[in-house]
Structures are given as C-alpha cells and as structure tokens.
Amino acid sequence: MSTKVAVLGAGVMGETLLSGLIRAGRRPEDLLITERREERATELRERYGVDVVSNVEAAKQADTLVLVVKPQDMPDLLAEIAPAVQASQTVVSLAAGITTSFVESRLPEGVAVVRVMPNTPALVDEGMAAISRGAHCDESHLELAESLLAATGRVIRVPEKQQDAVTAISGSGPAYLFFVVEAMIEAGVHMGLPRGTATELVVQTVVGSAKLLRETGEHPTVLRERVTSPGGTTAAAVRELEDHKVRAAFLSAIEAARNRSRDLAAE
C-alpha cells in the first residue's frame, strides 16, 4: 500500500523535492504540499496535480511529513502541527541547524525524526543530501528518508554531530563553486574574451572536471598534477593561488559556515 507524503513548505527546495518525487514515479494522489497563498497553491495544483492543503491538514493526512522551511520558521511550524501529529508518523526535517532533539521536543513522544542537509543542485537531480537519525528512528525510517531524497540526487548517512560540517561543505558548497566560476569568468573578460565565450569555457571546464573526479575516482591532487607541467602556465597560476593563501581562505570560510550552523542550532 502506498504511503502519503506531505511536503510542508512550497519554496524552491519544497517544490524541487515534490517535482523530483513525481519524476521518480510517485503518484500525485500520494503527495501533498502546503502553501498559504492561493495564487501559488493554484499554480502547484495545475503544475503537479497534487492536493495543496494547510499544514495541519497535511499533518492529519500524511504518513510522512517533510518539513522544508527556514530555520527561524521551524518553531512556529512545529507548534502549529504538533496537536495533529501521531507517534506513528515519520518527520523529515530539511532545515539547516535544526537538531532532531529540537524537533522531537516539540512533537508527541515517540515520533521518528530524520534530519537532512540537502543542497541546491537537487534542482537538476544532482543534489547531495546527508541524513541523520533521531532518537526514535530505526532502519526503516532511514530507508524511507533515503528513498525520498534519492529522487533528487545522492544520499549518504552521517552521525548528527557531523551535520554542521556537512552544512559547511555540501550545503553551502555550491555557493563557493559559483564564486570561483564568477571569478574565472571575470578573469576571462578582463583578458579580452567575450563574456559568453568566457562563461562557456568556465562552465564546461567545471562540469568536465567534476565528471573526471567522479568517474576516475582519482585523488584531486593527482588530477591537478597531471595538468601542471613543470614551469608551465598552470604551475604559474597555482603558485599565485598558493601565494594568496587561497587554500587557507577556503578553510576559514568553511569553518565560518560550520560555526554559523552551530549558532543557528543554539538560537
């Protein structure tokens, strides 16, 4: 028998998960999504053929609740749905910095909570999601969460104590890569390339390099050294990056993201 899944929150990530589940073969009648604005609700109904309901109605109807709201909105959402949640339901939280114990403390005793850190490449089914079990989870709950997140990319399991680091690496990671892409494009323009040409060169280089990493399984240092001939152009560029302490800057940036994730949990 099919289980009903409700996505609470129709923002970018909520809609991304909904569309991914449908593409992966879930029937629209087995899915719910919540949205207060009538215009947006109508758009979702017409686009996906799903029922758009209130948060409380979703909590009453669904077997699995996927909470896709901003961290600062989570306390109000949990207070709203708690009276309708049953211990037999599974709650999957995609809010950065929100611990399973925080969610569990605001819901009826015994509810299984799975914490997830997704990222935006889920928009093109190339997401990276890390999941962690709460106090009342067993293997079936983790497998359920994996099946949901696999609709938009890859899924790994991590202990919850590692989620702040995951947030800093893969959750925020796309922004770091886009930052590098921006810089490379601007360098190309500075050297006289048309912006369109520079953009195509950089984007395909990033896509190809990522594919090379994944498909060869080789260490990035090995792949970098293959491009870096002694005394050549790449060696000159890498020397500049090292002189400007780019590696150290990345470490500091990622540590700052981890620390902010911890702050969100504390707040």
C-alpha atoms as a PDB file:
ATOM      1  CA  MET A   1       0.000   0.000   0.000  1.00  0.00           C
ATOM      2  CA  SER A   2       1.300   3.455  -0.915  1.00  0.00           C
ATOM      3  CA  THR A   3       2.109   5.851   1.885  1.00  0.00           C
ATOM      4  CA  LYS A   4       1.160   9.501   1.698  1.00  0.00           C
ATOM      5  CA  VAL A   5       3.952  12.063   1.831  1.00  0.00           C
ATOM      6  CA  ALA A   6       3.354  15.718   2.672  1.00  0.00           C
ATOM      7  CA  VAL A   7       5.865  18.432   1.846  1.00  0.00           C
ATOM      8  CA  LEU A   8       5.356  21.315   4.277  1.00  0.00           C
ATOM      9  CA  GLY A   9       6.725  24.384   2.550  1.00  0.00           C
ATOM     10  CA  ALA A  10       6.416  25.222  -1.139  1.00  0.00           C
ATOM     11  CA  GLY A  11       9.592  27.255  -1.583  1.00  0.00           C
ATOM     12  CA  VAL A  12      12.347  26.348  -4.018  1.00  0.00           C
ATOM     13  CA  MET A  13      13.520  23.240  -2.158  1.00  0.00           C
ATOM     14  CA  GLY A  14       9.989  22.095  -1.328  1.00  0.00           C
ATOM     15  CA  GLU A  15       8.899  22.290  -4.964  1.00  0.00           C
ATOM     16  CA  THR A  16      12.179  20.697  -6.068  1.00  0.00           C
ATOM     17  CA  LEU A  17      11.516  17.685  -3.844  1.00  0.00           C
ATOM     18  CA  LEU A  18       7.887  17.470  -4.974  1.00  0.00           C
ATOM     19  CA  SER A  19       8.771  17.518  -8.675  1.00  0.00           C
ATOM     20  CA  GLY A  20      11.597  15.038  -8.116  1.00  0.00           C
ATOM     21  CA  LEU A  21       9.287  12.589  -6.358  1.00  0.00           C
ATOM     22  CA  ILE A  22       6.832  12.758  -9.242  1.00  0.00           C
ATOM     23  CA  ARG A  23       9.585  12.246 -11.823  1.00  0.00           C
ATOM     24  CA  ALA A  24      10.785   9.280  -9.766  1.00  0.00           C
ATOM     25  CA  GLY A  25       7.367   7.640 -10.098  1.00  0.00           C
ATOM     26  CA  ARG A  26       5.366   8.768  -7.068  1.00  0.00           C
ATOM     27  CA  ARG A  27       1.702   9.248  -7.847  1.00  0.00           C
ATOM     28  CA  PRO A  28       0.377  12.791  -7.354  1.00  0.00           C
ATOM     29  CA  GLU A  29      -2.500  11.393  -5.296  1.00  0.00           C
ATOM     30  CA  ASP A  30       0.057  10.072  -2.786  1.00  0.00           C
ATOM     31  CA  LEU A  31       1.587  13.524  -2.326  1.00  0.00           C
ATOM     32  CA  LEU A  32       0.503  16.695  -0.532  1.00  0.00           C
ATOM     33  CA  ILE A  33       2.106  20.108  -0.360  1.00  0.00           C
ATOM     34  CA  THR A  34       1.277  23.074   1.843  1.00  0.00           C
ATOM     35  CA  GLU A  35       1.002  26.691   0.731  1.00  0.00           C
ATOM     36  CA  ARG A  36      -0.978  29.603   2.218  1.00  0.00           C
ATOM     37  CA  ARG A  37      -1.063  31.877  -0.844  1.00  0.00           C
ATOM     38  CA  GLU A  38      -3.975  30.922  -3.070  1.00  0.00           C
ATOM     39  CA  GLU A  39      -2.296  32.030  -6.303  1.00  0.00           C
ATOM     40  CA  ARG A  40       0.740  29.880  -5.576  1.00  0.00           C
ATOM     41  CA  ALA A  41      -1.471  26.985  -4.458  1.00  0.00           C
ATOM     42  CA  THR A  42      -3.354  27.088  -7.763  1.00  0.00           C
ATOM     43  CA  GLU A  43      -0.058  27.086  -9.652  1.00  0.00           C
ATOM     44  CA  LEU A  44       1.121  23.974  -7.779  1.00  0.00           C
ATOM     45  CA  ARG A  45      -2.172  22.134  -8.328  1.00  0.00           C
ATOM     46  CA  GLU A  46      -2.104  22.829 -12.045  1.00  0.00           C
ATOM     47  CA  ARG A  47       1.575  22.017 -12.496  1.00  0.00           C
ATOM     48  CA  TYR A  48       1.768  18.782 -10.487  1.00  0.00           C
ATOM     49  CA  GLY A  49      -1.797  17.578  -9.967  1.00  0.00           C
ATOM     50  CA  VAL A  50      -1.349  17.361  -6.197  1.00  0.00           C
ATOM     51  CA  ASP A  51      -3.598  18.486  -3.378  1.00  0.00           C
ATOM     52  CA  VAL A  52      -2.473  21.709  -1.714  1.00  0.00           C
ATOM     53  CA  VAL A  53      -3.579  21.816   1.911  1.00  0.00           C
ATOM     54  CA  SER A  54      -2.904  23.558   5.211  1.00  0.00           C
ATOM     55  CA  ASN A  55      -0.056  22.465   7.474  1.00  0.00           C
ATOM     56  CA  VAL A  56      -2.480  20.972   9.988  1.00  0.00           C
ATOM     57  CA  GLU A  57      -4.416  19.094   7.307  1.00  0.00           C
ATOM     58  CA  ALA A  58      -1.150  17.707   5.933  1.00  0.00           C
ATOM     59  CA  ALA A  59      -0.189  16.506   9.414  1.00  0.00           C
ATOM     60  CA  LYS A  60      -3.554  14.776   9.755  1.00  0.00           C
ATOM     61  CA  GLN A  61      -3.473  13.043   6.371  1.00  0.00           C
ATOM     62  CA  ALA A  62       0.140  12.065   5.666  1.00  0.00           C
ATOM     63  CA  ASP A  63       2.243   9.173   6.917  1.00  0.00           C
ATOM     64  CA  THR A  64       5.461  11.107   6.329  1.00  0.00           C
ATOM     65  CA  LEU A  65       5.913  14.845   6.894  1.00  0.00           C
ATOM     66  CA  VAL A  66       8.805  16.571   5.139  1.00  0.00           C
ATOM     67  CA  LEU A  67       9.475  19.952   6.764  1.00  0.00           C
ATOM     68  CA  VAL A  68      11.041  22.329   4.245  1.00  0.00           C
ATOM     69  CA  VAL A  69      11.022  25.727   5.951  1.00  0.00           C
ATOM     70  CA  LYS A  70      13.641  28.237   7.052  1.00  0.00           C
ATOM     71  CA  PRO A  71      15.231  27.534  10.451  1.00  0.00           C
ATOM     72  CA  GLN A  72      13.631  30.612  12.014  1.00  0.00           C
ATOM     73  CA  ASP A  73      10.174  29.401  10.916  1.00  0.00           C
ATOM     74  CA  MET A  74      10.542  25.899  12.366  1.00  0.00           C
ATOM     75  CA  PRO A  75       9.343  26.640  15.952  1.00  0.00           C
ATOM     76  CA  ASP A  76       6.057  28.134  14.711  1.00  0.00           C
ATOM     77  CA  LEU A  77       5.501  25.284  12.239  1.00  0.00           C
ATOM     78  CA  LEU A  78       6.079  22.634  14.901  1.00  0.00           C
ATOM     79  CA  ALA A  79       3.736  24.419  17.329  1.00  0.00           C
ATOM     80  CA  GLU A  80       1.077  24.521  14.605  1.00  0.00           C
ATOM     81  CA  ILE A  81       1.223  20.848  13.599  1.00  0.00           C
ATOM     82  CA  ALA A  82       2.086  19.202  16.943  1.00  0.00           C
ATOM     83  CA  PRO A  83      -1.540  18.607  18.038  1.00  0.00           C
ATOM     84  CA  ALA A  84      -2.205  16.709  14.788  1.00  0.00           C
ATOM     85  CA  VAL A  85       0.981  14.613  14.696  1.00  0.00           C
ATOM     86  CA  GLN A  86       0.861  10.953  15.749  1.00  0.00           C
ATOM     87  CA  ALA A  87       3.692   8.807  17.096  1.00  0.00           C
ATOM     88  CA  SER A  88       3.344   6.509  14.080  1.00  0.00           C
ATOM     89  CA  GLN A  89       4.348   9.237  11.647  1.00  0.00           C
ATOM     90  CA  THR A  90       7.823   9.967  10.332  1.00  0.00           C
ATOM     91  CA  VAL A  91       9.093  13.557  10.254  1.00  0.00           C
ATOM     92  CA  VAL A  92      11.908  14.508   7.904  1.00  0.00           C
ATOM     93  CA  SER A  93      13.435  17.949   8.554  1.00  0.00           C
ATOM     94  CA  LEU A  94      15.402  19.837   5.888  1.00  0.00           C
ATOM     95  CA  ALA A  95      16.046  22.965   7.982  1.00  0.00           C
ATOM     96  CA  ALA A  96      19.706  23.921   8.433  1.00  0.00           C
ATOM     97  CA  GLY A  97      20.949  23.903  12.012  1.00  0.00           C
ATOM     98  CA  ILE A  98      17.774  22.382  13.470  1.00  0.00           C
ATOM     99  CA  THR A  99      18.600  19.292  15.523  1.00  0.00           C
ATOM    100  CA  THR A 100      16.482  16.174  15.783  1.00  0.00           C
ATOM    101  CA  SER A 101      16.173  16.739  19.542  1.00  0.00           C
ATOM    102  CA  PHE A 102      14.740  20.224  18.896  1.00  0.00           C
ATOM    103  CA  VAL A 103      12.058  18.761  16.625  1.00  0.00           C
ATOM    104  CA  GLU A 104      11.385  15.796  18.909  1.00  0.00           C
ATOM    105  CA  SER A 105      10.925  18.031  21.954  1.00  0.00           C
ATOM    106  CA  ARG A 106       8.089  19.864  20.212  1.00  0.00           C
ATOM    107  CA  LEU A 107       6.212  16.824  18.898  1.00  0.00           C
ATOM    108  CA  PRO A 108       4.453  13.910  20.643  1.00  0.00           C
ATOM    109  CA  GLU A 109       6.689  11.346  22.321  1.00  0.00           C
ATOM    110  CA  GLY A 110       7.952   8.611  20.015  1.00  0.00           C
ATOM    111  CA  VAL A 111       7.811  10.413  16.664  1.00  0.00           C
ATOM    112  CA  ALA A 112      10.685   9.346  14.420  1.00  0.00           C
ATOM    113  CA  VAL A 113      12.650  12.365  13.184  1.00  0.00           C
ATOM    114  CA  VAL A 114      15.260  12.305  10.423  1.00  0.00           C
ATOM    115  CA  ARG A 115      17.470  15.336   9.865  1.00  0.00           C
ATOM    116  CA  VAL A 116      18.560  16.156   6.314  1.00  0.00           C
ATOM    117  CA  MET A 117      21.033  18.622   4.822  1.00  0.00           C
ATOM    118  CA  PRO A 118      20.286  18.956   1.093  1.00  0.00           C
ATOM    119  CA  ASN A 119      21.781  21.340  -1.454  1.00  0.00           C
ATOM    120  CA  THR A 120      20.561  23.289  -4.474  1.00  0.00           C
ATOM    121  CA  PRO A 121      21.883  21.008  -7.264  1.00  0.00           C
ATOM    122  CA  ALA A 122      18.823  18.948  -6.320  1.00  0.00           C
ATOM    123  CA  LEU A 123      17.094  21.333  -8.748  1.00  0.00           C
ATOM    124  CA  VAL A 124      18.701  19.365 -11.591  1.00  0.00           C
ATOM    125  CA  ASP A 125      18.608  15.965  -9.836  1.00  0.00           C
ATOM    126  CA  GLU A 126      22.288  16.219  -8.884  1.00  0.00           C
ATOM    127  CA  GLY A 127      21.779  17.054  -5.219  1.00  0.00           C
ATOM    128  CA  MET A 128      23.842  15.811  -2.295  1.00  0.00           C
ATOM    129  CA  ALA A 129      21.852  15.077   0.846  1.00  0.00           C
ATOM    130  CA  ALA A 130      23.199  13.865   4.182  1.00  0.00           C
ATOM    131  CA  ILE A 131      20.750  12.269   6.622  1.00  0.00           C
ATOM    132  CA  SER A 132      20.959  11.577  10.367  1.00  0.00           C
ATOM    133  CA  ARG A 133      18.738   9.571  12.679  1.00  0.00           C
ATOM    134  CA  GLY A 134      16.884  10.921  15.670  1.00  0.00           C
ATOM    135  CA  ALA A 135      16.281   9.148  18.975  1.00  0.00           C
ATOM    136  CA  HIS A 136      13.262   7.162  17.770  1.00  0.00           C
ATOM    137  CA  CYS A 137      14.496   6.191  14.298  1.00  0.00           C
ATOM    138  CA  ASP A 138      15.181   2.677  13.098  1.00  0.00           C
ATOM    139  CA  GLU A 139      16.472   1.364   9.790  1.00  0.00           C
ATOM    140  CA  SER A 140      13.069   1.648   8.127  1.00  0.00           C
ATOM    141  CA  HIS A 141      12.872   5.376   8.831  1.00  0.00           C
ATOM    142  CA  LEU A 142      16.323   5.987   7.360  1.00  0.00           C
ATOM    143  CA  GLU A 143      15.459   3.935   4.285  1.00  0.00           C
ATOM    144  CA  LEU A 144      12.279   5.949   3.869  1.00  0.00           C
ATOM    145  CA  ALA A 145      14.209   9.224   4.019  1.00  0.00           C
ATOM    146  CA  GLU A 146      16.774   7.860   1.571  1.00  0.00           C
ATOM    147  CA  SER A 147      14.059   6.892  -0.888  1.00  0.00           C
ATOM    148  CA  LEU A 148      12.620  10.410  -0.763  1.00  0.00           C
ATOM    149  CA  LEU A 149      15.925  12.255  -1.165  1.00  0.00           C
ATOM    150  CA  ALA A 150      17.233   9.876  -3.848  1.00  0.00           C
ATOM    151  CA  ALA A 151      14.615  11.385  -6.169  1.00  0.00           C
ATOM    152  CA  THR A 152      16.811  14.495  -6.495  1.00  0.00           C
ATOM    153  CA  GLY A 153      20.363  13.170  -6.225  1.00  0.00           C
ATOM    154  CA  ARG A 154      22.664  11.210  -3.953  1.00  0.00           C
ATOM    155  CA  VAL A 155      22.184  10.436  -0.264  1.00  0.00           C
ATOM    156  CA  ILE A 156      24.632   9.496   2.478  1.00  0.00           C
ATOM    157  CA  ARG A 157      24.189   8.768   6.186  1.00  0.00           C
ATOM    158  CA  VAL A 158      26.208  10.662   8.796  1.00  0.00           C
ATOM    159  CA  PRO A 159      26.089  10.907  12.599  1.00  0.00           C
ATOM    160  CA  GLU A 160      24.166  14.010  13.594  1.00  0.00           C
ATOM    161  CA  LYS A 161      27.242  15.525  15.256  1.00  0.00           C
ATOM    162  CA  GLN A 162      28.728  15.854  11.746  1.00  0.00           C
ATOM    163  CA  GLN A 163      25.782  17.772  10.288  1.00  0.00           C
ATOM    164  CA  ASP A 164      27.277  21.207  10.943  1.00  0.00           C
ATOM    165  CA  ALA A 165      30.345  20.213   8.930  1.00  0.00           C
ATOM    166  CA  VAL A 166      28.110  18.761   6.206  1.00  0.00           C
ATOM    167  CA  THR A 167      26.212  22.051   6.064  1.00  0.00           C
ATOM    168  CA  ALA A 168      29.504  23.895   5.584  1.00  0.00           C
ATOM    169  CA  ILE A 169      30.803  21.527   2.892  1.00  0.00           C
ATOM    170  CA  SER A 170      27.896  20.416   0.704  1.00  0.00           C
ATOM    171  CA  GLY A 171      25.026  22.559   1.950  1.00  0.00           C
ATOM    172  CA  SER A 172      26.824  25.842   1.322  1.00  0.00           C
ATOM    173  CA  GLY A 173      29.335  24.323  -1.100  1.00  0.00           C
ATOM    174  CA  PRO A 174      27.579  25.257  -4.356  1.00  0.00           C
ATOM    175  CA  ALA A 175      27.966  28.940  -3.451  1.00  0.00           C
ATOM    176  CA  TYR A 176      31.746  28.552  -3.115  1.00  0.00           C
ATOM    177  CA  LEU A 177      31.959  26.931  -6.530  1.00  0.00           C
ATOM    178  CA  PHE A 178      29.749  29.595  -8.104  1.00  0.00           C
ATOM    179  CA  PHE A 179      32.044  32.193  -6.531  1.00  0.00           C
ATOM    180  CA  VAL A 180      35.063  30.577  -8.215  1.00  0.00           C
ATOM    181  CA  VAL A 181      33.180  30.368 -11.515  1.00  0.00           C
ATOM    182  CA  GLU A 182      32.334  34.084 -11.259  1.00  0.00           C
ATOM    183  CA  ALA A 183      35.986  34.935 -10.669  1.00  0.00           C
ATOM    184  CA  MET A 184      37.191  32.826 -13.599  1.00  0.00           C
ATOM    185  CA  ILE A 185      34.641  34.360 -15.962  1.00  0.00           C
ATOM    186  CA  GLU A 186      35.622  37.872 -14.881  1.00  0.00           C
ATOM    187  CA  ALA A 187      39.282  36.982 -15.459  1.00  0.00           C
ATOM    188  CA  GLY A 188      38.441  35.848 -18.976  1.00  0.00           C
ATOM    189  CA  VAL A 189      36.580  39.083 -19.687  1.00  0.00           C
ATOM    190  CA  HIS A 190      39.494  41.071 -18.249  1.00  0.00           C
ATOM    191  CA  MET A 191      41.807  39.309 -20.712  1.00  0.00           C
ATOM    192  CA  GLY A 192      39.615  40.200 -23.683  1.00  0.00           C
ATOM    193  CA  LEU A 193      37.282  37.233 -24.092  1.00  0.00           C
ATOM    194  CA  PRO A 194      33.604  37.943 -24.815  1.00  0.00           C
ATOM    195  CA  ARG A 195      31.542  37.215 -21.681  1.00  0.00           C
ATOM    196  CA  GLY A 196      29.575  34.469 -23.420  1.00  0.00           C
ATOM    197  CA  THR A 197      32.765  32.746 -24.544  1.00  0.00           C
ATOM    198  CA  ALA A 198      34.335  33.015 -21.083  1.00  0.00           C
ATOM    199  CA  THR A 199      31.181  31.646 -19.477  1.00  0.00           C
ATOM    200  CA  GLU A 200      31.022  28.625 -21.793  1.00  0.00           C
ATOM    201  CA  LEU A 201      34.708  27.872 -21.292  1.00  0.00           C
ATOM    202  CA  VAL A 202      34.458  28.034 -17.494  1.00  0.00           C
ATOM    203  CA  VAL A 203      31.162  26.203 -17.038  1.00  0.00           C
ATOM    204  CA  GLN A 204      32.172  23.279 -19.250  1.00  0.00           C
ATOM    205  CA  THR A 205      35.561  23.122 -17.548  1.00  0.00           C
ATOM    206  CA  VAL A 206      33.858  22.845 -14.146  1.00  0.00           C
ATOM    207  CA  VAL A 207      31.344  20.240 -15.350  1.00  0.00           C
ATOM    208  CA  GLY A 208      34.049  18.203 -17.087  1.00  0.00           C
ATOM    209  CA  SER A 209      36.393  18.368 -14.120  1.00  0.00           C
ATOM    210  CA  ALA A 210      33.656  17.198 -11.742  1.00  0.00           C
ATOM    211  CA  LYS A 211      32.832  14.309 -14.067  1.00  0.00           C
ATOM    212  CA  LEU A 212      36.526  13.391 -14.264  1.00  0.00           C
ATOM    213  CA  LEU A 213      36.739  13.331 -10.465  1.00  0.00           C
ATOM    214  CA  ARG A 214      33.653  11.168 -10.102  1.00  0.00           C
ATOM    215  CA  GLU A 215      34.292   8.712 -12.929  1.00  0.00           C
ATOM    216  CA  THR A 216      38.012   8.112 -12.404  1.00  0.00           C
ATOM    217  CA  GLY A 217      37.868   8.035  -8.619  1.00  0.00           C
ATOM    218  CA  GLU A 218      41.361   9.508  -8.539  1.00  0.00           C
ATOM    219  CA  HIS A 219      42.538  11.937  -5.874  1.00  0.00           C
ATOM    220  CA  PRO A 220      42.159  15.588  -6.910  1.00  0.00           C
ATOM    221  CA  THR A 221      45.850  16.168  -6.233  1.00  0.00           C
ATOM    222  CA  VAL A 222      46.744  13.519  -8.815  1.00  0.00           C
ATOM    223  CA  LEU A 223      44.414  15.056 -11.390  1.00  0.00           C
ATOM    224  CA  ARG A 224      45.743  18.562 -10.687  1.00  0.00           C
ATOM    225  CA  GLU A 225      49.340  17.454 -11.050  1.00  0.00           C
ATOM    226  CA  ARG A 226      48.584  15.915 -14.440  1.00  0.00           C
ATOM    227  CA  VAL A 227      47.570  19.363 -15.696  1.00  0.00           C
ATOM    228  CA  THR A 228      50.538  21.066 -14.030  1.00  0.00           C
ATOM    229  CA  SER A 229      53.662  20.787 -16.172  1.00  0.00           C
ATOM    230  CA  PRO A 230      56.908  21.969 -14.514  1.00  0.00           C
ATOM    231  CA  GLY A 231      57.470  25.599 -15.373  1.00  0.00           C
ATOM    232  CA  GLY A 232      54.224  25.784 -17.333  1.00  0.00           C
ATOM    233  CA  THR A 233      51.167  28.028 -17.327  1.00  0.00           C
ATOM    234  CA  THR A 234      49.228  26.005 -14.753  1.00  0.00           C
ATOM    235  CA  ALA A 235      52.198  25.936 -12.386  1.00  0.00           C
ATOM    236  CA  ALA A 236      52.404  29.719 -12.619  1.00  0.00           C
ATOM    237  CA  ALA A 237      48.713  30.058 -11.797  1.00  0.00           C
ATOM    238  CA  VAL A 238      48.817  27.598  -8.893  1.00  0.00           C
ATOM    239  CA  ARG A 239      51.813  29.440  -7.422  1.00  0.00           C
ATOM    240  CA  GLU A 240      49.743  32.644  -7.370  1.00  0.00           C
ATOM    241  CA  LEU A 241      46.863  30.841  -5.658  1.00  0.00           C
ATOM    242  CA  GLU A 242      49.238  29.494  -3.020  1.00  0.00           C
ATOM    243  CA  ASP A 243      50.893  32.904  -2.546  1.00  0.00           C
ATOM    244  CA  HIS A 244      47.454  34.430  -1.934  1.00  0.00           C
ATOM    245  CA  LYS A 245      46.638  31.657   0.559  1.00  0.00           C
ATOM    246  CA  VAL A 246      43.507  30.556  -1.288  1.00  0.00           C
ATOM    247  CA  ARG A 247      43.598  27.137   0.385  1.00  0.00           C
ATOM    248  CA  ALA A 248      43.676  28.743   3.838  1.00  0.00           C
ATOM    249  CA  ALA A 249      40.877  31.117   2.855  1.00  0.00           C
ATOM    250  CA  PHE A 250      38.664  28.160   1.893  1.00  0.00           C
ATOM    251  CA  LEU A 251      39.377  26.501   5.241  1.00  0.00           C
ATOM    252  CA  SER A 252      38.474  29.689   7.118  1.00  0.00           C
ATOM    253  CA  ALA A 253      35.316  30.180   5.061  1.00  0.00           C
ATOM    254  CA  ILE A 254      34.105  26.625   5.584  1.00  0.00           C
ATOM    255  CA  GLU A 255      34.840  26.820   9.325  1.00  0.00           C
ATOM    256  CA  ALA A 256      32.795  30.043   9.456  1.00  0.00           C
ATOM    257  CA  ALA A 257      29.878  28.271   7.787  1.00  0.00           C
ATOM    258  CA  ARG A 258      30.140  25.394  10.272  1.00  0.00           C
ATOM    259  CA  ASN A 259      30.192  27.814  13.195  1.00  0.00           C
ATOM    260  CA  ARG A 260      27.144  29.642  11.864  1.00  0.00           C
ATOM    261  CA  SER A 261      25.306  26.333  11.586  1.00  0.00           C
ATOM    262  CA  ARG A 262      26.095  25.712  15.273  1.00  0.00           C
ATOM    263  CA  ASP A 263      24.851  29.215  16.129  1.00  0.00           C
ATOM    264  CA  LEU A 264      21.555  28.552  14.341  1.00  0.00           C
ATOM    265  CA  ALA A 265      21.065  25.433  16.444  1.00  0.00           C
ATOM    266  CA  ALA A 266      21.837  27.361  19.622  1.00  0.00           C
ATOM    267  CA  GLU A 267      19.427  30.157  18.719  1.00  0.00           C
END
